[in-house]
PDB file of N, CA and C in Angstrom:
ATOM      1  N   MET A   1      31.781  27.623  56.482  1.00  0.00           N
ATOM      2  CA  MET A   1      31.375  28.153  57.761  1.00  0.00           C
ATOM      3  C   MET A   1      32.668  27.897  58.718  1.00  0.00           C
ATOM      4  N   GLY A   2      32.936  28.900  59.459  1.00  0.00           N
ATOM      5  CA  GLY A   2      34.079  28.820  60.397  1.00  0.00           C
ATOM      6  C   GLY A   2      33.627  29.055  61.833  1.00  0.00           C
ATOM      7  N   VAL A   3      34.242  28.275  62.748  1.00  0.00           N
ATOM      8  CA  VAL A   3      33.943  28.434  64.125  1.00  0.00           C
ATOM      9  C   VAL A   3      35.296  28.486  64.890  1.00  0.00           C
ATOM     10  N   ALA A   4      35.366  29.440  65.762  1.00  0.00           N
ATOM     11  CA  ALA A   4      36.533  29.646  66.594  1.00  0.00           C
ATOM     12  C   ALA A   4      36.174  29.401  68.046  1.00  0.00           C
ATOM     13  N   VAL A   5      36.933  28.609  68.685  1.00  0.00           N
ATOM     14  CA  VAL A   5      36.745  28.300  70.091  1.00  0.00           C
ATOM     15  C   VAL A   5      38.153  28.280  70.736  1.00  0.00           C
ATOM     16  N   ASN A   6      38.172  28.996  71.881  1.00  0.00           N
ATOM     17  CA  ASN A   6      39.388  29.036  72.663  1.00  0.00           C
ATOM     18  C   ASN A   6      39.160  28.258  73.907  1.00  0.00           C
ATOM     19  N   VAL A   7      39.881  27.178  74.148  1.00  0.00           N
ATOM     20  CA  VAL A   7      39.668  26.331  75.318  1.00  0.00           C
ATOM     21  C   VAL A   7      40.799  26.484  76.308  1.00  0.00           C
ATOM     22  N   ALA A   8      41.816  27.111  76.056  1.00  0.00           N
ATOM     23  CA  ALA A   8      42.861  27.444  77.056  1.00  0.00           C
ATOM     24  C   ALA A   8      43.236  26.299  77.931  1.00  0.00           C
ATOM     25  N   GLY A   9      43.633  25.116  77.470  1.00  0.00           N
ATOM     26  CA  GLY A   9      44.227  24.058  78.210  1.00  0.00           C
ATOM     27  C   GLY A   9      43.229  23.286  79.004  1.00  0.00           C
ATOM     28  N   ASP A  10      41.960  23.448  78.834  1.00  0.00           N
ATOM     29  CA  ASP A  10      40.923  22.714  79.637  1.00  0.00           C
ATOM     30  C   ASP A  10      40.375  21.564  78.791  1.00  0.00           C
ATOM     31  N   GLY A  11      40.842  20.342  79.121  1.00  0.00           N
ATOM     32  CA  GLY A  11      40.434  19.188  78.403  1.00  0.00           C
ATOM     33  C   GLY A  11      38.864  18.899  78.393  1.00  0.00           C
ATOM     34  N   GLU A  12      38.245  19.134  79.576  1.00  0.00           N
ATOM     35  CA  GLU A  12      36.795  18.939  79.654  1.00  0.00           C
ATOM     36  C   GLU A  12      36.100  19.980  78.773  1.00  0.00           C
ATOM     37  N   LEU A  13      36.579  21.206  78.710  1.00  0.00           N
ATOM     38  CA  LEU A  13      35.975  22.217  77.882  1.00  0.00           C
ATOM     39  C   LEU A  13      36.100  21.807  76.316  1.00  0.00           C
ATOM     40  N   MET A  14      37.258  21.283  75.985  1.00  0.00           N
ATOM     41  CA  MET A  14      37.420  20.866  74.602  1.00  0.00           C
ATOM     42  C   MET A  14      36.477  19.716  74.258  1.00  0.00           C
ATOM     43  N   GLU A  15      36.341  18.799  75.158  1.00  0.00           N
ATOM     44  CA  GLU A  15      35.444  17.670  74.949  1.00  0.00           C
ATOM     45  C   GLU A  15      34.026  18.179  74.791  1.00  0.00           C
ATOM     46  N   ASN A  16      33.631  19.137  75.687  1.00  0.00           N
ATOM     47  CA  ASN A  16      32.304  19.758  75.574  1.00  0.00           C
ATOM     48  C   ASN A  16      32.078  20.473  74.286  1.00  0.00           C
ATOM     49  N   ARG A  17      33.070  21.296  73.815  1.00  0.00           N
ATOM     50  CA  ARG A  17      32.915  22.008  72.589  1.00  0.00           C
ATOM     51  C   ARG A  17      32.846  21.068  71.379  1.00  0.00           C
ATOM     52  N   MET A  18      33.702  20.015  71.339  1.00  0.00           N
ATOM     53  CA  MET A  18      33.607  19.084  70.314  1.00  0.00           C
ATOM     54  C   MET A  18      32.262  18.341  70.264  1.00  0.00           C
ATOM     55  N   THR A  19      31.735  18.068  71.453  1.00  0.00           N
ATOM     56  CA  THR A  19      30.347  17.435  71.514  1.00  0.00           C
ATOM     57  C   THR A  19      29.335  18.375  70.941  1.00  0.00           C
ATOM     58  N   ASP A  20      29.364  19.626  71.348  1.00  0.00           N
ATOM     59  CA  ASP A  20      28.418  20.573  70.831  1.00  0.00           C
ATOM     60  C   ASP A  20      28.530  20.704  69.301  1.00  0.00           C
ATOM     61  N   LEU A  21      29.734  20.803  68.798  1.00  0.00           N
ATOM     62  CA  LEU A  21      30.011  20.938  67.352  1.00  0.00           C
ATOM     63  C   LEU A  21      29.473  19.740  66.642  1.00  0.00           C
ATOM     64  N   ILE A  22      29.790  18.571  67.075  1.00  0.00           N
ATOM     65  CA  ILE A  22      29.366  17.335  66.360  1.00  0.00           C
ATOM     66  C   ILE A  22      27.885  17.177  66.498  1.00  0.00           C
ATOM     67  N   ASN A  23      27.268  17.330  67.713  1.00  0.00           N
ATOM     68  CA  ASN A  23      25.847  17.094  67.880  1.00  0.00           C
ATOM     69  C   ASN A  23      24.938  18.151  67.313  1.00  0.00           C
ATOM     70  N   ASN A  24      25.419  19.403  67.262  1.00  0.00           N
ATOM     71  CA  ASN A  24      24.549  20.515  66.896  1.00  0.00           C
ATOM     72  C   ASN A  24      24.768  21.041  65.569  1.00  0.00           C
ATOM     73  N   VAL A  25      26.002  20.826  64.982  1.00  0.00           N
ATOM     74  CA  VAL A  25      26.361  21.320  63.682  1.00  0.00           C
ATOM     75  C   VAL A  25      26.600  20.217  62.653  1.00  0.00           C
ATOM     76  N   ILE A  26      27.377  19.316  62.960  1.00  0.00           N
ATOM     77  CA  ILE A  26      27.791  18.293  61.965  1.00  0.00           C
ATOM     78  C   ILE A  26      26.650  17.259  61.751  1.00  0.00           C
ATOM     79  N   ILE A  27      26.235  16.613  62.729  1.00  0.00           N
ATOM     80  CA  ILE A  27      25.186  15.540  62.604  1.00  0.00           C
ATOM     81  C   ILE A  27      23.926  16.092  61.915  1.00  0.00           C
ATOM     82  N   PRO A  28      23.451  17.200  62.290  1.00  0.00           N
ATOM     83  CA  PRO A  28      22.184  17.745  61.622  1.00  0.00           C
ATOM     84  C   PRO A  28      22.367  17.971  60.159  1.00  0.00           C
ATOM     85  N   ARG A  29      23.632  18.071  59.691  1.00  0.00           N
ATOM     86  CA  ARG A  29      23.838  18.357  58.254  1.00  0.00           C
ATOM     87  C   ARG A  29      24.292  17.104  57.511  1.00  0.00           C
ATOM     88  N   LEU A  30      24.205  15.966  58.152  1.00  0.00           N
ATOM     89  CA  LEU A  30      24.480  14.723  57.413  1.00  0.00           C
ATOM     90  C   LEU A  30      23.303  14.378  56.487  1.00  0.00           C
ATOM     91  N   PRO A  31      23.631  13.848  55.406  1.00  0.00           N
ATOM     92  CA  PRO A  31      22.524  13.452  54.482  1.00  0.00           C
ATOM     93  C   PRO A  31      21.716  12.384  55.123  1.00  0.00           C
ATOM     94  N   TYR A  32      20.374  12.547  54.987  1.00  0.00           N
ATOM     95  CA  TYR A  32      19.386  11.544  55.435  1.00  0.00           C
ATOM     96  C   TYR A  32      18.658  11.059  54.184  1.00  0.00           C
ATOM     97  N   ARG A  33      18.788   9.781  53.866  1.00  0.00           N
ATOM     98  CA  ARG A  33      18.286   9.271  52.646  1.00  0.00           C
ATOM     99  C   ARG A  33      16.954   8.429  52.791  1.00  0.00           C
ATOM    100  N   LEU A  34      15.994   8.702  51.976  1.00  0.00           N
ATOM    101  CA  LEU A  34      14.900   7.956  51.766  1.00  0.00           C
ATOM    102  C   LEU A  34      14.789   7.626  50.304  1.00  0.00           C
ATOM    103  N   SER A  35      14.704   6.226  50.066  1.00  0.00           N
ATOM    104  CA  SER A  35      14.718   5.709  48.752  1.00  0.00           C
ATOM    105  C   SER A  35      15.871   6.205  47.871  1.00  0.00           C
ATOM    106  N   GLY A  36      17.048   6.407  48.605  1.00  0.00           N
ATOM    107  CA  GLY A  36      18.254   6.819  47.843  1.00  0.00           C
ATOM    108  C   GLY A  36      18.382   8.314  47.585  1.00  0.00           C
ATOM    109  N   ILE A  37      17.400   9.098  47.994  1.00  0.00           N
ATOM    110  CA  ILE A  37      17.405  10.538  47.842  1.00  0.00           C
ATOM    111  C   ILE A  37      17.606  11.137  49.186  1.00  0.00           C
ATOM    112  N   SER A  38      18.483  12.119  49.309  1.00  0.00           N
ATOM    113  CA  SER A  38      18.706  12.943  50.524  1.00  0.00           C
ATOM    114  C   SER A  38      17.512  13.842  50.776  1.00  0.00           C
ATOM    115  N   VAL A  39      16.892  13.722  51.921  1.00  0.00           N
ATOM    116  CA  VAL A  39      15.798  14.578  52.195  1.00  0.00           C
ATOM    117  C   VAL A  39      16.091  15.700  53.199  1.00  0.00           C
ATOM    118  N   ASN A  40      17.340  15.773  53.602  1.00  0.00           N
ATOM    119  CA  ASN A  40      17.828  16.765  54.568  1.00  0.00           C
ATOM    120  C   ASN A  40      18.286  17.980  53.700  1.00  0.00           C
ATOM    121  N   VAL A  41      17.458  19.076  53.731  1.00  0.00           N
ATOM    122  CA  VAL A  41      17.806  20.207  52.968  1.00  0.00           C
ATOM    123  C   VAL A  41      19.043  20.962  53.414  1.00  0.00           C
ATOM    124  N   PHE A  42      19.489  20.664  54.680  1.00  0.00           N
ATOM    125  CA  PHE A  42      20.715  21.285  55.175  1.00  0.00           C
ATOM    126  C   PHE A  42      21.901  20.370  55.003  1.00  0.00           C
ATOM    127  N   ALA A  43      21.806  19.238  54.344  1.00  0.00           N
ATOM    128  CA  ALA A  43      22.942  18.371  54.163  1.00  0.00           C
ATOM    129  C   ALA A  43      23.988  18.834  53.307  1.00  0.00           C
ATOM    130  N   ARG A  44      25.203  18.520  53.689  1.00  0.00           N
ATOM    131  CA  ARG A  44      26.361  18.843  52.913  1.00  0.00           C
ATOM    132  C   ARG A  44      26.878  17.612  52.243  1.00  0.00           C
ATOM    133  N   ARG A  45      27.458  17.634  51.092  1.00  0.00           N
ATOM    134  CA  ARG A  45      28.017  16.476  50.432  1.00  0.00           C
ATOM    135  C   ARG A  45      29.049  15.850  51.240  1.00  0.00           C
ATOM    136  N   LYS A  46      30.125  16.584  51.576  1.00  0.00           N
ATOM    137  CA  LYS A  46      31.145  16.090  52.434  1.00  0.00           C
ATOM    138  C   LYS A  46      31.637  17.330  53.283  1.00  0.00           C
ATOM    139  N   VAL A  47      32.128  16.976  54.477  1.00  0.00           N
ATOM    140  CA  VAL A  47      32.487  18.005  55.425  1.00  0.00           C
ATOM    141  C   VAL A  47      33.974  17.776  55.821  1.00  0.00           C
ATOM    142  N   SER A  48      34.695  18.789  55.860  1.00  0.00           N
ATOM    143  CA  SER A  48      36.105  18.758  56.310  1.00  0.00           C
ATOM    144  C   SER A  48      36.186  19.800  57.418  1.00  0.00           C
ATOM    145  N   LEU A  49      36.638  19.254  58.604  1.00  0.00           N
ATOM    146  CA  LEU A  49      36.712  20.136  59.768  1.00  0.00           C
ATOM    147  C   LEU A  49      38.202  20.295  60.176  1.00  0.00           C
ATOM    148  N   TYR A  50      38.754  21.485  60.122  1.00  0.00           N
ATOM    149  CA  TYR A  50      40.141  21.721  60.524  1.00  0.00           C
ATOM    150  C   TYR A  50      40.162  22.315  61.895  1.00  0.00           C
ATOM    151  N   ILE A  51      40.850  21.613  62.867  1.00  0.00           N
ATOM    152  CA  ILE A  51      40.964  22.071  64.216  1.00  0.00           C
ATOM    153  C   ILE A  51      42.388  22.545  64.444  1.00  0.00           C
ATOM    154  N   LEU A  52      42.632  23.867  64.553  1.00  0.00           N
ATOM    155  CA  LEU A  52      43.969  24.370  64.814  1.00  0.00           C
ATOM    156  C   LEU A  52      44.229  24.417  66.270  1.00  0.00           C
ATOM    157  N   THR A  53      45.187  23.732  66.760  1.00  0.00           N
ATOM    158  CA  THR A  53      45.293  23.555  68.217  1.00  0.00           C
ATOM    159  C   THR A  53      46.814  23.238  68.614  1.00  0.00           C
ATOM    160  N   ASP A  54      47.108  23.486  69.840  1.00  0.00           N
ATOM    161  CA  ASP A  54      48.373  23.004  70.368  1.00  0.00           C
ATOM    162  C   ASP A  54      48.159  21.596  71.012  1.00  0.00           C
ATOM    163  N   GLY A  55      46.878  21.209  71.173  1.00  0.00           N
ATOM    164  CA  GLY A  55      46.572  19.854  71.732  1.00  0.00           C
ATOM    165  C   GLY A  55      46.710  19.743  73.222  1.00  0.00           C
ATOM    166  N   ASN A  56      47.065  20.799  73.882  1.00  0.00           N
ATOM    167  CA  ASN A  56      47.268  20.761  75.386  1.00  0.00           C
ATOM    168  C   ASN A  56      45.909  21.027  76.010  1.00  0.00           C
ATOM    169  N   TRP A  57      45.113  20.056  76.020  1.00  0.00           N
ATOM    170  CA  TRP A  57      43.756  20.201  76.551  1.00  0.00           C
ATOM    171  C   TRP A  57      43.639  19.667  77.924  1.00  0.00           C
ATOM    172  N   ALA A  58      44.486  18.753  78.413  1.00  0.00           N
ATOM    173  CA  ALA A  58      44.305  18.112  79.698  1.00  0.00           C
ATOM    174  C   ALA A  58      45.544  18.199  80.540  1.00  0.00           C
ATOM    175  N   GLY A  59      46.455  19.091  80.285  1.00  0.00           N
ATOM    176  CA  GLY A  59      47.660  19.148  81.081  1.00  0.00           C
ATOM    177  C   GLY A  59      48.662  18.101  80.790  1.00  0.00           C
ATOM    178  N   SER A  60      49.706  18.095  81.559  1.00  0.00           N
ATOM    179  CA  SER A  60      50.844  17.275  81.124  1.00  0.00           C
ATOM    180  C   SER A  60      50.682  15.760  81.432  1.00  0.00           C
ATOM    181  N   SER A  61      49.647  15.346  82.154  1.00  0.00           N
ATOM    182  CA  SER A  61      49.518  13.989  82.558  1.00  0.00           C
ATOM    183  C   SER A  61      48.773  13.110  81.520  1.00  0.00           C
ATOM    184  N   SER A  62      48.084  13.687  80.626  1.00  0.00           N
ATOM    185  CA  SER A  62      47.230  12.909  79.766  1.00  0.00           C
ATOM    186  C   SER A  62      48.017  12.426  78.493  1.00  0.00           C
ATOM    187  N   THR A  63      47.865  11.182  78.143  1.00  0.00           N
ATOM    188  CA  THR A  63      48.427  10.639  76.882  1.00  0.00           C
ATOM    189  C   THR A  63      47.332  10.244  75.861  1.00  0.00           C
ATOM    190  N   HIS A  64      46.166  10.142  76.370  1.00  0.00           N
ATOM    191  CA  HIS A  64      45.068   9.698  75.486  1.00  0.00           C
ATOM    192  C   HIS A  64      44.361  11.013  74.958  1.00  0.00           C
ATOM    193  N   GLY A  65      43.196  10.845  74.381  1.00  0.00           N
ATOM    194  CA  GLY A  65      42.555  11.960  73.621  1.00  0.00           C
ATOM    195  C   GLY A  65      41.937  13.023  74.434  1.00  0.00           C
ATOM    196  N   ALA A  66      42.160  13.055  75.694  1.00  0.00           N
ATOM    197  CA  ALA A  66      41.700  14.138  76.607  1.00  0.00           C
ATOM    198  C   ALA A  66      40.119  14.204  76.481  1.00  0.00           C
ATOM    199  N   GLY A  67      39.466  13.155  76.279  1.00  0.00           N
ATOM    200  CA  GLY A  67      37.955  13.124  76.185  1.00  0.00           C
ATOM    201  C   GLY A  67      37.437  13.482  74.792  1.00  0.00           C
ATOM    202  N   VAL A  68      38.272  13.969  73.950  1.00  0.00           N
ATOM    203  CA  VAL A  68      37.874  14.349  72.589  1.00  0.00           C
ATOM    204  C   VAL A  68      37.397  13.102  71.855  1.00  0.00           C
ATOM    205  N   GLN A  69      37.968  11.945  72.204  1.00  0.00           N
ATOM    206  CA  GLN A  69      37.643  10.694  71.474  1.00  0.00           C
ATOM    207  C   GLN A  69      36.163  10.342  71.698  1.00  0.00           C
ATOM    208  N   THR A  70      35.509  10.826  72.837  1.00  0.00           N
ATOM    209  CA  THR A  70      34.091  10.481  73.048  1.00  0.00           C
ATOM    210  C   THR A  70      33.190  11.100  71.987  1.00  0.00           C
ATOM    211  N   PRO A  71      33.198  12.375  71.686  1.00  0.00           N
ATOM    212  CA  PRO A  71      32.375  12.953  70.634  1.00  0.00           C
ATOM    213  C   PRO A  71      32.664  12.364  69.325  1.00  0.00           C
ATOM    214  N   VAL A  72      33.985  12.140  69.016  1.00  0.00           N
ATOM    215  CA  VAL A  72      34.426  11.581  67.752  1.00  0.00           C
ATOM    216  C   VAL A  72      33.777  10.169  67.548  1.00  0.00           C
ATOM    217  N   ARG A  73      33.790   9.392  68.665  1.00  0.00           N
ATOM    218  CA  ARG A  73      33.192   8.036  68.707  1.00  0.00           C
ATOM    219  C   ARG A  73      31.732   8.133  68.336  1.00  0.00           C
ATOM    220  N   SER A  74      30.992   9.101  68.903  1.00  0.00           N
ATOM    221  CA  SER A  74      29.599   9.254  68.629  1.00  0.00           C
ATOM    222  C   SER A  74      29.318   9.594  67.187  1.00  0.00           C
ATOM    223  N   LEU A  75      30.241  10.407  66.598  1.00  0.00           N
ATOM    224  CA  LEU A  75      30.168  10.734  65.213  1.00  0.00           C
ATOM    225  C   LEU A  75      30.333   9.463  64.360  1.00  0.00           C
ATOM    226  N   VAL A  76      31.287   8.613  64.589  1.00  0.00           N
ATOM    227  CA  VAL A  76      31.602   7.421  63.883  1.00  0.00           C
ATOM    228  C   VAL A  76      30.352   6.525  63.987  1.00  0.00           C
ATOM    229  N   GLU A  77      29.789   6.454  65.152  1.00  0.00           N
ATOM    230  CA  GLU A  77      28.624   5.555  65.349  1.00  0.00           C
ATOM    231  C   GLU A  77      27.451   6.028  64.538  1.00  0.00           C
ATOM    232  N   GLU A  78      27.234   7.397  64.447  1.00  0.00           N
ATOM    233  CA  GLU A  78      26.164   7.994  63.674  1.00  0.00           C
ATOM    234  C   GLU A  78      26.291   7.738  62.220  1.00  0.00           C
ATOM    235  N   LEU A  79      27.596   7.892  61.718  1.00  0.00           N
ATOM    236  CA  LEU A  79      27.833   7.491  60.331  1.00  0.00           C
ATOM    237  C   LEU A  79      27.517   6.052  60.034  1.00  0.00           C
ATOM    238  N   LYS A  80      27.888   5.147  60.954  1.00  0.00           N
ATOM    239  CA  LYS A  80      27.560   3.738  60.766  1.00  0.00           C
ATOM    240  C   LYS A  80      26.071   3.485  60.742  1.00  0.00           C
ATOM    241  N   ARG A  81      25.374   4.171  61.714  1.00  0.00           N
ATOM    242  CA  ARG A  81      23.913   4.063  61.830  1.00  0.00           C
ATOM    243  C   ARG A  81      23.219   4.478  60.540  1.00  0.00           C
ATOM    244  N   GLN A  82      23.629   5.541  59.949  1.00  0.00           N
ATOM    245  CA  GLN A  82      23.020   6.094  58.777  1.00  0.00           C
ATOM    246  C   GLN A  82      23.577   5.467  57.555  1.00  0.00           C
ATOM    247  N   ARG A  83      24.504   4.519  57.642  1.00  0.00           N
ATOM    248  CA  ARG A  83      25.159   3.802  56.556  1.00  0.00           C
ATOM    249  C   ARG A  83      25.818   4.810  55.561  1.00  0.00           C
ATOM    250  N   LEU A  84      26.486   5.784  56.154  1.00  0.00           N
ATOM    251  CA  LEU A  84      27.210   6.778  55.340  1.00  0.00           C
ATOM    252  C   LEU A  84      28.710   6.304  55.216  1.00  0.00           C
ATOM    253  N   ASN A  85      29.317   6.762  54.144  1.00  0.00           N
ATOM    254  CA  ASN A  85      30.708   6.454  53.885  1.00  0.00           C
ATOM    255  C   ASN A  85      31.533   7.215  55.011  1.00  0.00           C
ATOM    256  N   ARG A  86      32.617   6.504  55.406  1.00  0.00           N
ATOM    257  CA  ARG A  86      33.455   7.115  56.472  1.00  0.00           C
ATOM    258  C   ARG A  86      34.132   8.391  56.012  1.00  0.00           C
ATOM    259  N   THR A  87      34.178   8.633  54.684  1.00  0.00           N
ATOM    260  CA  THR A  87      34.796   9.871  54.122  1.00  0.00           C
ATOM    261  C   THR A  87      33.778  10.979  54.115  1.00  0.00           C
ATOM    262  N   GLN A  88      32.573  10.780  54.639  1.00  0.00           N
ATOM    263  CA  GLN A  88      31.580  11.841  54.573  1.00  0.00           C
ATOM    264  C   GLN A  88      32.101  13.018  55.430  1.00  0.00           C
ATOM    265  N   ILE A  89      32.754  12.716  56.514  1.00  0.00           N
ATOM    266  CA  ILE A  89      33.320  13.751  57.452  1.00  0.00           C
ATOM    267  C   ILE A  89      34.808  13.514  57.581  1.00  0.00           C
ATOM    268  N   SER A  90      35.598  14.530  57.503  1.00  0.00           N
ATOM    269  CA  SER A  90      36.976  14.337  57.794  1.00  0.00           C
ATOM    270  C   SER A  90      37.346  15.447  58.892  1.00  0.00           C
ATOM    271  N   LEU A  91      38.094  14.942  59.918  1.00  0.00           N
ATOM    272  CA  LEU A  91      38.487  15.825  60.941  1.00  0.00           C
ATOM    273  C   LEU A  91      39.997  15.860  60.826  1.00  0.00           C
ATOM    274  N   HIS A  92      40.545  17.166  60.765  1.00  0.00           N
ATOM    275  CA  HIS A  92      42.012  17.435  60.669  1.00  0.00           C
ATOM    276  C   HIS A  92      42.374  18.239  61.880  1.00  0.00           C
ATOM    277  N   PHE A  93      43.148  17.589  62.816  1.00  0.00           N
ATOM    278  CA  PHE A  93      43.719  18.337  63.927  1.00  0.00           C
ATOM    279  C   PHE A  93      45.041  18.813  63.478  1.00  0.00           C
ATOM    280  N   VAL A  94      45.192  20.100  63.324  1.00  0.00           N
ATOM    281  CA  VAL A  94      46.453  20.748  62.899  1.00  0.00           C
ATOM    282  C   VAL A  94      47.159  21.268  64.078  1.00  0.00           C
ATOM    283  N   ARG A  95      48.347  20.687  64.476  1.00  0.00           N
ATOM    284  CA  ARG A  95      49.034  21.132  65.656  1.00  0.00           C
ATOM    285  C   ARG A  95      49.980  22.247  65.370  1.00  0.00           C
ATOM    286  N   PHE A  96      50.037  23.158  66.252  1.00  0.00           N
ATOM    287  CA  PHE A  96      51.137  24.121  66.201  1.00  0.00           C
ATOM    288  C   PHE A  96      51.706  24.251  67.602  1.00  0.00           C
ATOM    289  N   GLY A  97      52.819  24.815  67.679  1.00  0.00           N
ATOM    290  CA  GLY A  97      53.556  24.932  69.004  1.00  0.00           C
ATOM    291  C   GLY A  97      54.372  23.645  69.366  1.00  0.00           C
ATOM    292  N   GLU A  98      55.051  23.710  70.364  1.00  0.00           N
ATOM    293  CA  GLU A  98      56.008  22.669  70.794  1.00  0.00           C
ATOM    294  C   GLU A  98      55.561  21.978  72.104  1.00  0.00           C
ATOM    295  N   ASN A  99      54.374  22.075  72.443  1.00  0.00           N
ATOM    296  CA  ASN A  99      53.867  21.508  73.788  1.00  0.00           C
ATOM    297  C   ASN A  99      53.940  20.003  73.666  1.00  0.00           C
ATOM    298  N   GLU A 100      54.686  19.360  74.596  1.00  0.00           N
ATOM    299  CA  GLU A 100      54.888  17.877  74.572  1.00  0.00           C
ATOM    300  C   GLU A 100      53.552  17.110  74.881  1.00  0.00           C
ATOM    301  N   SER A 101      52.832  17.593  75.791  1.00  0.00           N
ATOM    302  CA  SER A 101      51.547  16.917  76.217  1.00  0.00           C
ATOM    303  C   SER A 101      50.599  17.029  74.993  1.00  0.00           C
ATOM    304  N   GLY A 102      50.511  18.196  74.360  1.00  0.00           N
ATOM    305  CA  GLY A 102      49.678  18.346  73.187  1.00  0.00           C
ATOM    306  C   GLY A 102      50.055  17.391  72.075  1.00  0.00           C
ATOM    307  N   ARG A 103      51.419  17.251  71.846  1.00  0.00           N
ATOM    308  CA  ARG A 103      51.822  16.295  70.826  1.00  0.00           C
ATOM    309  C   ARG A 103      51.427  14.939  71.119  1.00  0.00           C
ATOM    310  N   ARG A 104      51.544  14.468  72.388  1.00  0.00           N
ATOM    311  CA  ARG A 104      51.090  13.141  72.796  1.00  0.00           C
ATOM    312  C   ARG A 104      49.627  12.940  72.569  1.00  0.00           C
ATOM    313  N   ILE A 105      48.773  13.876  72.940  1.00  0.00           N
ATOM    314  CA  ILE A 105      47.319  13.765  72.772  1.00  0.00           C
ATOM    315  C   ILE A 105      46.945  13.690  71.335  1.00  0.00           C
ATOM    316  N   LEU A 106      47.523  14.541  70.518  1.00  0.00           N
ATOM    317  CA  LEU A 106      47.155  14.523  69.076  1.00  0.00           C
ATOM    318  C   LEU A 106      47.726  13.308  68.444  1.00  0.00           C
ATOM    319  N   GLU A 107      48.969  12.783  68.834  1.00  0.00           N
ATOM    320  CA  GLU A 107      49.469  11.587  68.210  1.00  0.00           C
ATOM    321  C   GLU A 107      48.554  10.380  68.580  1.00  0.00           C
ATOM    322  N   TRP A 108      48.076  10.379  69.727  1.00  0.00           N
ATOM    323  CA  TRP A 108      47.151   9.298  70.155  1.00  0.00           C
ATOM    324  C   TRP A 108      45.895   9.291  69.278  1.00  0.00           C
ATOM    325  N   LEU A 109      45.350  10.519  69.167  1.00  0.00           N
ATOM    326  CA  LEU A 109      44.083  10.599  68.280  1.00  0.00           C
ATOM    327  C   LEU A 109      44.442  10.169  66.785  1.00  0.00           C
ATOM    328  N   ASP A 110      45.588  10.633  66.322  1.00  0.00           N
ATOM    329  CA  ASP A 110      46.008  10.224  64.984  1.00  0.00           C
ATOM    330  C   ASP A 110      46.083   8.703  64.819  1.00  0.00           C
ATOM    331  N   ASN A 111      46.684   8.038  65.760  1.00  0.00           N
ATOM    332  CA  ASN A 111      46.935   6.580  65.674  1.00  0.00           C
ATOM    333  C   ASN A 111      45.795   5.764  66.089  1.00  0.00           C
ATOM    334  N   SER A 112      44.753   6.303  66.730  1.00  0.00           N
ATOM    335  CA  SER A 112      43.613   5.513  67.186  1.00  0.00           C
ATOM    336  C   SER A 112      42.698   5.154  66.065  1.00  0.00           C
ATOM    337  N   GLY A 113      42.251   3.984  66.110  1.00  0.00           N
ATOM    338  CA  GLY A 113      41.241   3.544  65.117  1.00  0.00           C
ATOM    339  C   GLY A 113      39.903   3.286  65.735  1.00  0.00           C
ATOM    340  N   PRO A 114      38.943   2.652  64.989  1.00  0.00           N
ATOM    341  CA  PRO A 114      37.683   2.464  65.578  1.00  0.00           C
ATOM    342  C   PRO A 114      37.690   1.653  66.886  1.00  0.00           C
ATOM    343  N   HIS A 115      38.688   0.717  67.015  1.00  0.00           N
ATOM    344  CA  HIS A 115      38.736  -0.110  68.181  1.00  0.00           C
ATOM    345  C   HIS A 115      39.144   0.800  69.438  1.00  0.00           C
ATOM    346  N   ASP A 116      39.978   1.871  69.192  1.00  0.00           N
ATOM    347  CA  ASP A 116      40.353   2.758  70.314  1.00  0.00           C
ATOM    348  C   ASP A 116      39.310   3.806  70.643  1.00  0.00           C
ATOM    349  N   LEU A 117      38.605   4.203  69.578  1.00  0.00           N
ATOM    350  CA  LEU A 117      37.629   5.322  69.845  1.00  0.00           C
ATOM    351  C   LEU A 117      36.400   4.623  70.400  1.00  0.00           C
TER     352      LEU A 117
END
């Protein structure tokens, strides 16, 4: 399944789109287990999400995740709540372009761990 979203430099819009994607597409497709058997007919074994971006979501002043860390944090918490392996979902932010602000934002997301998210 592929989803294309153009956010054109708007950090709040990127955060909203990631929230929609995680809450409405990814989380409903997580395995839900009863007695060790997945009862979610829409569940996927593992999900890899590739986000092709320049990372310039919040303008030149932002060095943090431009709000994208918030929906990612909710996904991490949902994986913990459902006792799913952290490799159930993998997010890959693939950067293109030479935008310095975008590089900083994506570098921060790359280097942040559970304590930062």
